[in-house]
Amino acid sequence: MASASQAIARYAESFGGFEKSAPCHDLAWLKQLRHDGFARFSEAGFPTMRDEDWRFTNPSAITKTAFHLARNGHKLPSQQALAPLCMAGVASRLVFVDGRFVPALSSIRDLPKGVTVANLASAIARNPAAVEKHLGRYLNLRRDSFGALNTAFLEDGAYVHVPKGVVLEEPVAVLYVSTEHDSPVVSHPRNLIVVEENGQATVVEDYTSLGAGEALCNTVTELVAGDHAVVSHYMIEREHASSYNVSTLRIQQGRAADVASHSILLGGALVRNNVHPVLAGEGGECLINGLFIGDGRQHLDNYMLVEHASPHCSSRQFYNGILDGRAHGVFHGRIIVHKDAQKTDAKQTNRNLLLSDTAQIDTKPQLEIYADDVKCTHGATIGQIEENALFYLRSRGIDETSARRLLLVAFASECTDRMKEGPVRTHVEKLIHTQALRLAESSLGRVA
């Protein structure tokens, strides 16, 4: 373990060696971007619970752990070991192991003309001007020190580019796998998704583990939706119970763009999920939909910051939480309606089920409105499994474990019903059913 100042010094030493060998380190703009990221991280340090945005989450478990960059040299998983973790029915799959792109485990099928699906490092090497136009342009380093750290160690991740008017019918899956190491490791995936005017795409980020061991995945995704673009983004987190995951999704929306963000948090010891859309063009729509399920001593933190910057835009936030054991969930939803964003329509809802007396939820819906012609609402609920509903199912001959599972799945389905039908939704529903059965058996054991 180490103090905050020792942690910064440790990362400074690591950064000194990293920048000399980082991909495309001779590109002036990329070198400057990395330097700006580390300068901001050095200035701000890691957040603490004294910071308003982190008041419900103590990141000291991350701050004090001596993580080192995961590099080459470890054994890669086989296709057979990876197969159960992969989602079926995808057009292209990019696989990263401990943050490193593995072409042998990836597959990219025939894509529509002009569409690019690749790892970011190779995209920068092939067409740096196209990447420079967007990379690092939207993330606010001053309010996100984990994002600044990610930018400093920017190396690789997924790159998806859909040109004007092109529809990418099948989803693109990005699988991030953490493997077991003798000491704690960290990776900093950086994803860039650009869907130009009238384009359509679905991208899935899936974070999972093979083996135990402490690992930190510190991810930033910049998603750019051009005018009238339609984009669905999924973040699935199902890592080992000794893993840490901090992710930031920064969305930039053009005029009449329609973006849906779906977050599913199932694993990890401490997980922080940041979603920050900016509705910059008039008439934009944004759905922020999420589900978090935790037990044991898991800590699952969801921080939403929705900025309405233009008129006639609408946003909807729906997050459901299911917590058992001593799990701690957080929903901190913040909507900012800027002065010129008249006719804004924004709604924010958080619903939670606590399955034990020791589970805990902190929920803080928040509105900041600087325009005078808007329609904004927010609300939150906390409850337990309805005993009447449980009794009704039991009276129909359903055993108690199955009855509890059905009620949990029904509650979770409020989120999955907002997803488009297809392979991604099927994949998510399968994961939820497995988790619901485990929680139903666990809670029944306590009742007995």
Protein backbone atom coordinates (compact mmCIF):
# COMPACT_ATOMS: atom_id res chain seq x y z
CA MET A 1 0.00 0.00 0.00
CA ALA A 2 1.12 3.59 -0.60
CA SER A 3 0.02 7.17 0.07
CA ALA A 4 -1.52 9.38 -2.61
CA SER A 5 1.77 11.23 -3.18
CA GLN A 6 3.66 7.96 -3.44
CA ALA A 7 1.10 6.72 -5.96
CA ILE A 8 1.59 9.79 -8.15
CA ALA A 9 5.37 9.36 -7.95
CA ARG A 10 5.01 5.72 -8.92
CA TYR A 11 2.89 6.60 -11.95
CA ALA A 12 5.37 9.36 -12.88
CA GLU A 13 8.19 6.83 -12.99
CA SER A 14 6.06 4.48 -15.07
CA PHE A 15 5.06 7.29 -17.44
CA GLY A 16 8.69 8.20 -18.06
CA GLY A 17 9.39 4.75 -19.46
CA PHE A 18 6.04 4.37 -21.18
CA GLU A 19 6.17 7.46 -23.36
CA LYS A 20 9.49 6.42 -24.91
CA SER A 21 8.08 3.11 -26.17
CA ALA A 22 4.41 4.00 -26.65
CA PRO A 23 2.89 3.43 -30.08
CA CYS A 24 3.36 6.40 -32.44
CA HIS A 25 5.38 8.26 -29.80
CA ASP A 26 6.92 10.39 -32.56
CA LEU A 27 3.58 12.04 -33.42
CA ALA A 28 3.72 15.53 -31.91
CA TRP A 29 -0.03 15.87 -31.28
CA LEU A 30 -0.27 12.48 -29.60
CA LYS A 31 2.80 13.12 -27.48
CA GLN A 32 1.28 16.44 -26.37
CA LEU A 33 -2.04 14.77 -25.57
CA ARG A 34 -0.29 12.26 -23.33
CA HIS A 35 1.73 14.99 -21.63
CA ASP A 36 -1.37 17.08 -21.02
CA GLY A 37 -3.06 14.05 -19.47
CA PHE A 38 -0.22 13.33 -17.10
CA ALA A 39 0.20 17.00 -16.17
CA ARG A 40 -3.45 17.18 -15.18
CA PHE A 41 -3.28 13.90 -13.25
CA SER A 42 -0.15 15.09 -11.40
CA GLU A 43 -1.91 18.34 -10.51
CA ALA A 44 -5.21 16.82 -9.35
CA GLY A 45 -4.13 13.42 -8.05
CA PHE A 46 -6.70 10.75 -7.35
CA PRO A 47 -10.16 11.85 -6.17
CA THR A 48 -11.25 11.40 -2.56
CA MET A 49 -14.58 11.37 -0.78
CA ARG A 50 -14.11 15.09 -0.16
CA ASP A 51 -14.80 15.63 -3.86
CA GLU A 52 -18.54 16.10 -4.42
CA ASP A 53 -18.59 13.74 -7.41
CA TRP A 54 -17.02 11.00 -5.26
CA ARG A 55 -18.76 11.64 -1.94
CA PHE A 56 -20.28 8.14 -1.82
CA THR A 57 -17.23 6.20 -3.03
CA ASN A 58 -13.84 5.77 -1.42
CA PRO A 59 -11.28 5.02 -4.16
CA SER A 60 -8.42 4.43 -1.70
CA ALA A 61 -8.33 0.71 -2.52
CA ILE A 62 -7.25 1.76 -6.02
CA THR A 63 -5.07 4.67 -4.93
CA LYS A 64 -3.03 2.64 -2.45
CA THR A 65 -2.47 -0.46 -4.57
CA ALA A 66 0.85 -0.61 -6.42
CA PHE A 67 -0.42 -1.49 -9.90
CA HIS A 68 2.03 -1.97 -12.75
CA LEU A 69 1.34 -1.81 -16.47
CA ALA A 70 0.40 -5.13 -18.00
CA ARG A 71 2.86 -5.88 -20.79
CA ASN A 72 3.66 -8.75 -23.15
CA GLY A 73 5.15 -11.98 -21.88
CA HIS A 74 2.22 -13.73 -20.23
CA LYS A 75 0.37 -16.66 -21.69
CA LEU A 76 -2.60 -15.79 -23.89
CA PRO A 77 -5.89 -17.64 -23.45
CA SER A 78 -6.90 -20.14 -26.09
CA GLN A 79 -9.91 -19.79 -28.38
CA GLN A 80 -11.54 -22.60 -26.39
CA ALA A 81 -11.06 -20.79 -23.07
CA LEU A 82 -12.40 -17.57 -24.57
CA ALA A 83 -15.42 -19.08 -26.34
CA PRO A 84 -17.80 -19.14 -23.32
CA LEU A 85 -17.14 -15.42 -22.76
CA CYS A 86 -17.92 -14.33 -26.32
CA MET A 87 -21.24 -12.99 -27.52
CA ALA A 88 -22.78 -14.68 -30.54
CA GLY A 89 -24.13 -12.95 -33.62
CA VAL A 90 -21.65 -10.08 -33.97
CA ALA A 91 -20.20 -8.78 -37.23
CA SER A 92 -16.78 -8.04 -35.79
CA ARG A 93 -15.01 -8.82 -32.54
CA LEU A 94 -11.91 -7.09 -31.18
CA VAL A 95 -10.24 -8.95 -28.30
CA PHE A 96 -7.85 -7.30 -25.86
CA VAL A 97 -6.04 -9.29 -23.18
CA ASP A 98 -4.77 -7.17 -20.28
CA GLY A 99 -5.18 -4.15 -22.53
CA ARG A 100 -3.19 -5.64 -25.44
CA PHE A 101 -4.86 -6.26 -28.80
CA VAL A 102 -4.72 -9.91 -29.87
CA PRO A 103 -5.38 -10.30 -33.64
CA ALA A 104 -5.38 -14.10 -33.41
CA LEU A 105 -8.39 -14.02 -31.08
CA SER A 106 -10.19 -11.28 -32.99
CA SER A 107 -12.34 -11.47 -36.10
CA ILE A 108 -13.48 -8.78 -38.51
CA ARG A 109 -15.97 -9.83 -41.17
CA ASP A 110 -16.83 -8.01 -44.37
CA LEU A 111 -17.92 -4.49 -43.52
CA PRO A 112 -19.91 -1.92 -45.53
CA LYS A 113 -17.78 0.31 -47.74
CA GLY A 114 -15.91 2.95 -45.77
CA VAL A 115 -16.48 1.42 -42.32
CA THR A 116 -13.39 0.93 -40.17
CA VAL A 117 -13.25 -1.47 -37.23
CA ALA A 118 -9.73 -1.81 -35.85
CA ASN A 119 -7.56 -1.39 -32.81
CA LEU A 120 -6.78 2.26 -32.12
CA ALA A 121 -2.99 1.96 -32.31
CA SER A 122 -3.10 0.62 -35.86
CA ALA A 123 -5.70 3.23 -36.86
CA ILE A 124 -3.40 6.01 -35.64
CA ALA A 125 -0.47 4.51 -37.53
CA ARG A 126 -2.47 4.21 -40.77
CA ASN A 127 -4.49 7.42 -40.71
CA PRO A 128 -3.38 9.74 -37.91
CA ALA A 129 -5.25 12.78 -39.26
CA ALA A 130 -8.65 11.04 -39.04
CA VAL A 131 -8.02 10.00 -35.44
CA GLU A 132 -6.51 13.33 -34.38
CA LYS A 133 -9.72 15.09 -35.43
CA HIS A 134 -11.60 13.48 -32.53
CA LEU A 135 -9.27 11.75 -30.06
CA GLY A 136 -9.08 13.68 -26.81
CA ARG A 137 -11.30 16.50 -28.10
CA TYR A 138 -14.28 15.81 -25.85
CA LEU A 139 -13.06 14.35 -22.54
CA ASN A 140 -12.81 17.01 -19.82
CA LEU A 141 -9.48 16.28 -18.15
CA ARG A 142 -10.06 18.92 -15.49
CA ARG A 143 -13.02 17.12 -13.96
CA ASP A 144 -11.85 13.53 -14.47
CA SER A 145 -8.45 12.59 -13.04
CA PHE A 146 -8.91 8.91 -13.94
CA GLY A 147 -9.59 10.09 -17.48
CA ALA A 148 -6.44 12.20 -17.34
CA LEU A 149 -4.45 9.13 -16.22
CA ASN A 150 -5.95 7.13 -19.08
CA THR A 151 -4.93 9.86 -21.53
CA ALA A 152 -1.38 9.88 -20.18
CA PHE A 153 -1.07 6.13 -20.80
CA LEU A 154 -3.10 6.17 -24.01
CA GLU A 155 -1.92 3.21 -26.03
CA ASP A 156 -4.64 1.09 -27.59
CA GLY A 157 -8.31 0.22 -27.62
CA ALA A 158 -11.13 -0.01 -30.12
CA TYR A 159 -11.60 2.29 -33.10
CA VAL A 160 -14.92 2.28 -34.96
CA HIS A 161 -15.63 4.74 -37.76
CA VAL A 162 -18.90 4.73 -39.71
CA PRO A 163 -18.99 7.22 -42.59
CA LYS A 164 -21.89 9.45 -43.59
CA GLY A 165 -25.12 7.64 -44.42
CA VAL A 166 -23.81 4.10 -43.76
CA VAL A 167 -25.78 1.64 -41.63
CA LEU A 168 -23.77 -1.01 -39.79
CA GLU A 169 -26.42 -3.68 -39.29
CA GLU A 170 -24.63 -6.11 -36.95
CA PRO A 171 -23.08 -5.07 -33.64
CA VAL A 172 -19.36 -4.65 -33.10
CA ALA A 173 -18.15 -6.39 -29.94
CA VAL A 174 -15.06 -5.33 -28.02
CA LEU A 175 -13.98 -7.91 -25.42
CA TYR A 176 -11.56 -6.86 -22.69
CA VAL A 177 -10.16 -9.82 -20.75
CA SER A 178 -8.11 -9.54 -17.56
CA THR A 179 -5.92 -12.52 -16.71
CA GLU A 180 -4.32 -13.64 -13.47
CA HIS A 181 -0.91 -12.20 -12.54
CA ASP A 182 1.44 -12.56 -9.59
CA SER A 183 1.08 -8.85 -8.76
CA PRO A 184 -1.60 -6.18 -9.39
CA VAL A 185 -1.77 -4.94 -12.99
CA VAL A 186 -3.42 -1.97 -14.68
CA SER A 187 -4.56 -1.34 -18.24
CA HIS A 188 -5.87 1.90 -19.75
CA PRO A 189 -8.05 1.05 -22.77
CA ARG A 190 -8.99 4.01 -24.95
CA ASN A 191 -11.90 3.66 -27.36
CA LEU A 192 -12.96 6.05 -30.11
CA ILE A 193 -16.33 5.61 -31.85
CA VAL A 194 -17.25 8.02 -34.64
CA VAL A 195 -20.59 7.68 -36.44
CA GLU A 196 -20.99 10.41 -39.01
CA GLU A 197 -24.14 12.13 -40.25
CA ASN A 198 -27.08 9.73 -40.85
CA GLY A 199 -24.92 6.74 -39.89
CA GLN A 200 -26.04 3.92 -37.62
CA ALA A 201 -24.07 1.52 -35.42
CA THR A 202 -24.15 -0.63 -32.28
CA VAL A 203 -20.97 -1.12 -30.23
CA VAL A 204 -20.59 -3.40 -27.20
CA GLU A 205 -17.77 -3.09 -24.65
CA ASP A 206 -17.60 -6.27 -22.55
CA TYR A 207 -15.20 -6.48 -19.57
CA THR A 208 -14.51 -9.88 -18.07
CA SER A 209 -11.84 -11.96 -16.30
CA LEU A 210 -10.04 -15.27 -16.68
CA GLY A 211 -8.68 -16.16 -13.28
CA ALA A 212 -8.42 -14.16 -10.07
CA GLY A 213 -5.89 -11.55 -9.02
CA GLU A 214 -6.02 -7.80 -8.50
CA ALA A 215 -6.44 -5.84 -11.73
CA LEU A 216 -7.52 -2.30 -12.57
CA CYS A 217 -9.13 -1.50 -15.90
CA ASN A 218 -9.27 2.29 -16.36
CA THR A 219 -11.20 2.95 -19.58
CA VAL A 220 -12.20 6.03 -21.56
CA THR A 221 -14.56 5.91 -24.53
CA GLU A 222 -15.25 8.95 -26.69
CA LEU A 223 -18.39 8.52 -28.78
CA VAL A 224 -19.17 11.05 -31.50
CA ALA A 225 -22.65 10.94 -33.06
CA GLY A 226 -23.01 13.22 -36.08
CA ASP A 227 -26.20 14.95 -37.18
CA HIS A 228 -29.14 12.51 -37.39
CA ALA A 229 -26.90 9.57 -36.44
CA VAL A 230 -28.37 6.62 -34.48
CA VAL A 231 -25.97 4.89 -32.08
CA SER A 232 -26.42 2.24 -29.39
CA HIS A 233 -23.58 1.70 -26.92
CA TYR A 234 -23.40 -1.13 -24.38
CA MET A 235 -21.03 -1.43 -21.44
CA ILE A 236 -21.06 -4.85 -19.74
CA GLU A 237 -18.86 -5.28 -16.65
CA ARG A 238 -18.59 -8.83 -15.24
CA GLU A 239 -15.04 -9.07 -13.92
CA HIS A 240 -13.68 -11.10 -11.01
CA ALA A 241 -14.50 -10.05 -7.45
CA SER A 242 -10.92 -8.86 -6.90
CA SER A 243 -10.96 -6.53 -9.92
CA TYR A 244 -11.44 -2.77 -10.13
CA ASN A 245 -13.05 -0.99 -13.05
CA VAL A 246 -13.30 2.75 -13.72
CA SER A 247 -14.92 3.68 -17.02
CA THR A 248 -15.87 6.99 -18.58
CA LEU A 249 -18.18 7.25 -21.59
CA ARG A 250 -18.11 10.75 -23.08
CA ILE A 251 -20.80 11.26 -25.73
CA GLN A 252 -20.88 14.20 -28.15
CA GLN A 253 -24.19 14.48 -30.02
CA GLY A 254 -24.92 16.49 -33.13
CA ARG A 255 -28.22 17.84 -34.40
CA ALA A 256 -31.12 15.36 -34.08
CA ALA A 257 -28.69 12.56 -33.12
CA ASP A 258 -30.24 9.62 -31.24
CA VAL A 259 -27.91 7.85 -28.78
CA ALA A 260 -28.69 5.05 -26.33
CA SER A 261 -26.24 4.09 -23.56
CA HIS A 262 -26.84 0.79 -21.75
CA SER A 263 -24.70 -0.15 -18.73
CA ILE A 264 -24.78 -3.57 -17.03
CA LEU A 265 -22.62 -3.89 -13.90
CA LEU A 266 -22.38 -7.39 -12.45
CA GLY A 267 -18.83 -7.98 -11.18
CA GLY A 268 -15.79 -6.32 -9.67
CA ALA A 269 -14.83 -5.26 -6.16
CA LEU A 270 -15.10 -1.52 -6.85
CA VAL A 271 -16.69 -0.26 -10.05
CA ARG A 272 -17.18 3.36 -11.10
CA ASN A 273 -19.30 3.93 -14.20
CA ASN A 274 -19.25 7.50 -15.57
CA VAL A 275 -21.61 8.46 -18.41
CA HIS A 276 -21.37 12.02 -19.73
CA PRO A 277 -23.44 12.94 -22.79
CA VAL A 278 -23.47 16.46 -24.18
CA LEU A 279 -26.48 17.17 -26.39
CA ALA A 280 -24.72 19.81 -28.44
CA GLY A 281 -27.07 19.86 -31.45
CA GLU A 282 -30.70 20.91 -31.54
CA GLY A 283 -33.30 18.14 -31.40
CA GLY A 284 -31.03 15.43 -29.98
CA GLU A 285 -32.29 12.46 -27.97
CA CYS A 286 -30.37 10.43 -25.40
CA LEU A 287 -31.34 7.33 -23.42
CA ILE A 288 -29.16 6.39 -20.44
CA ASN A 289 -30.27 2.97 -19.27
CA GLY A 290 -28.57 0.85 -16.65
CA LEU A 291 -28.70 -2.07 -14.27
CA PHE A 292 -26.32 -2.90 -11.43
CA ILE A 293 -26.45 -6.13 -9.43
CA GLY A 294 -24.10 -6.64 -6.49
CA ASP A 295 -23.58 -8.84 -3.48
CA GLY A 296 -20.82 -9.68 -1.01
CA ARG A 297 -18.86 -6.46 -0.44
CA GLN A 298 -19.10 -5.12 -3.98
CA HIS A 299 -19.22 -1.36 -4.49
CA LEU A 300 -20.96 -0.27 -7.70
CA ASP A 301 -21.03 3.48 -8.38
CA ASN A 302 -22.94 5.04 -11.28
CA TYR A 303 -22.31 8.72 -12.00
CA MET A 304 -24.37 10.34 -14.75
CA LEU A 305 -23.76 13.88 -15.99
CA VAL A 306 -26.14 14.92 -18.77
CA GLU A 307 -25.59 18.32 -20.36
CA HIS A 308 -28.36 19.89 -22.41
CA ALA A 309 -26.52 22.52 -24.44
CA SER A 310 -29.03 23.10 -27.28
CA PRO A 311 -32.81 23.57 -27.49
CA HIS A 312 -35.48 20.96 -28.19
CA CYS A 313 -33.47 18.02 -26.84
CA SER A 314 -34.72 15.18 -24.66
CA SER A 315 -32.94 12.78 -22.31
CA ARG A 316 -34.11 9.84 -20.25
CA GLN A 317 -32.18 8.20 -17.40
CA PHE A 318 -33.42 4.87 -16.02
CA TYR A 319 -31.21 2.94 -13.59
CA ASN A 320 -32.22 -0.10 -11.53
CA GLY A 321 -30.13 -1.63 -8.76
CA ILE A 322 -30.33 -5.00 -7.00
CA LEU A 323 -28.11 -5.39 -3.94
CA ASP A 324 -27.54 -8.28 -1.57
CA GLY A 325 -25.09 -9.09 1.24
CA ARG A 326 -23.06 -6.02 2.20
CA ALA A 327 -23.02 -4.60 -1.30
CA HIS A 328 -23.08 -0.83 -1.71
CA GLY A 329 -24.65 0.84 -4.72
CA VAL A 330 -24.53 4.46 -5.81
CA PHE A 331 -26.65 6.39 -8.27
CA HIS A 332 -25.61 10.01 -8.69
CA GLY A 333 -27.51 11.48 -11.61
CA ARG A 334 -26.96 15.09 -12.56
CA ILE A 335 -28.76 16.97 -15.34
CA ILE A 336 -27.50 20.41 -16.38
CA VAL A 337 -29.76 22.49 -18.62
CA HIS A 338 -27.73 25.35 -20.06
CA LYS A 339 -29.13 28.82 -20.63
CA ASP A 340 -29.81 28.38 -24.36
CA ALA A 341 -31.33 24.90 -24.04
CA GLN A 342 -34.98 25.96 -24.13
CA LYS A 343 -37.70 23.33 -24.60
CA THR A 344 -35.56 20.70 -22.87
CA ASP A 345 -37.39 17.53 -21.81
CA ALA A 346 -35.43 15.50 -19.25
CA LYS A 347 -36.39 12.67 -16.93
CA GLN A 348 -34.37 10.79 -14.34
CA THR A 349 -35.46 7.68 -12.44
CA ASN A 350 -33.59 5.35 -10.08
CA ARG A 351 -35.23 2.21 -8.62
CA ASN A 352 -33.53 -0.14 -6.17
CA LEU A 353 -34.16 -3.51 -4.51
CA LEU A 354 -32.32 -4.37 -1.29
CA LEU A 355 -32.30 -8.09 -0.57
CA SER A 356 -30.56 -7.92 2.81
CA ASP A 357 -30.54 -5.67 5.86
CA THR A 358 -26.86 -4.91 5.32
CA ALA A 359 -27.03 -3.85 1.65
CA GLN A 360 -26.81 -0.10 1.10
CA ILE A 361 -27.79 2.35 -1.63
CA ASP A 362 -26.95 6.05 -1.94
CA THR A 363 -29.08 7.79 -4.54
CA LYS A 364 -28.86 11.44 -5.52
CA PRO A 365 -30.91 12.68 -8.46
CA GLN A 366 -29.92 16.27 -9.21
CA LEU A 367 -31.15 19.04 -11.54
CA GLU A 368 -29.38 22.27 -12.46
CA ILE A 369 -31.60 24.38 -14.70
CA TYR A 370 -30.51 27.68 -16.23
CA ALA A 371 -33.26 27.93 -18.86
CA ASP A 372 -36.87 28.95 -18.17
CA ASP A 373 -38.89 26.85 -20.63
CA VAL A 374 -38.14 23.23 -19.74
CA LYS A 375 -39.79 20.05 -18.50
CA CYS A 376 -37.58 18.13 -16.04
CA THR A 377 -38.44 15.49 -13.45
CA HIS A 378 -36.48 13.15 -11.20
CA GLY A 379 -37.18 10.49 -8.61
CA ALA A 380 -35.80 7.51 -6.71
CA THR A 381 -37.28 4.51 -4.88
CA ILE A 382 -35.82 1.90 -2.52
CA GLY A 383 -37.67 -1.30 -1.59
CA GLN A 384 -37.57 -5.03 -1.01
CA ILE A 385 -39.11 -8.05 -2.73
CA GLU A 386 -42.89 -7.84 -2.43
CA GLU A 387 -44.02 -10.55 -0.05
CA ASN A 388 -47.51 -10.55 -1.60
CA ALA A 389 -46.08 -11.21 -5.05
CA LEU A 390 -43.85 -13.95 -3.62
CA PHE A 391 -46.84 -15.53 -1.85
CA TYR A 392 -48.90 -15.39 -5.07
CA LEU A 393 -46.23 -17.27 -7.04
CA ARG A 394 -45.78 -19.84 -4.25
CA SER A 395 -49.54 -20.41 -4.16
CA ARG A 396 -49.37 -21.31 -7.85
CA GLY A 397 -46.98 -24.16 -7.14
CA ILE A 398 -43.71 -22.36 -7.91
CA ASP A 399 -40.88 -23.19 -5.51
CA GLU A 400 -39.46 -20.28 -3.51
CA THR A 401 -36.10 -20.11 -5.29
CA SER A 402 -37.80 -19.95 -8.70
CA ALA A 403 -40.31 -17.41 -7.40
CA ARG A 404 -37.57 -15.11 -6.12
CA ARG A 405 -35.66 -15.49 -9.39
CA LEU A 406 -38.75 -14.58 -11.39
CA LEU A 407 -39.31 -11.42 -9.36
CA LEU A 408 -35.66 -10.37 -9.71
CA VAL A 409 -35.68 -11.00 -13.46
CA ALA A 410 -38.92 -9.03 -13.79
CA PHE A 411 -37.34 -6.08 -11.99
CA ALA A 412 -34.21 -6.30 -14.15
CA SER A 413 -36.32 -6.60 -17.29
CA GLU A 414 -37.40 -2.99 -16.88
CA CYS A 415 -33.91 -2.22 -18.20
CA THR A 416 -33.52 -4.97 -20.79
CA ASP A 417 -36.91 -4.10 -22.30
CA ARG A 418 -35.41 -0.76 -23.34
CA MET A 419 -32.78 -2.55 -25.43
CA LYS A 420 -33.39 -3.42 -29.06
CA GLU A 421 -34.11 -7.08 -29.70
CA GLY A 422 -31.13 -8.94 -31.07
CA PRO A 423 -27.91 -10.70 -30.05
CA VAL A 424 -26.82 -8.08 -27.52
CA ARG A 425 -30.06 -8.15 -25.60
CA THR A 426 -30.06 -11.97 -25.66
CA HIS A 427 -26.50 -11.96 -24.29
CA VAL A 428 -27.40 -9.54 -21.50
CA GLU A 429 -30.57 -11.43 -20.55
CA LYS A 430 -28.59 -14.66 -20.23
CA LEU A 431 -26.11 -12.98 -17.86
CA ILE A 432 -28.94 -11.50 -15.78
CA HIS A 433 -30.78 -14.81 -15.48
CA THR A 434 -27.61 -16.47 -14.16
CA GLN A 435 -27.05 -13.67 -11.65
CA ALA A 436 -30.70 -13.65 -10.54
CA LEU A 437 -30.65 -17.39 -9.84
CA ARG A 438 -27.52 -17.03 -7.72
CA LEU A 439 -29.04 -14.17 -5.70
CA ALA A 440 -32.34 -16.04 -5.29
CA GLU A 441 -30.53 -19.08 -3.84
CA SER A 442 -28.39 -16.86 -1.61
CA SER A 443 -31.29 -14.85 -0.18
CA LEU A 444 -33.35 -18.01 0.34
CA GLY A 445 -30.47 -19.51 2.31
CA ARG A 446 -30.55 -16.58 4.71
CA VAL A 447 -34.33 -16.77 5.08
CA ALA A 448 -34.09 -20.50 5.88
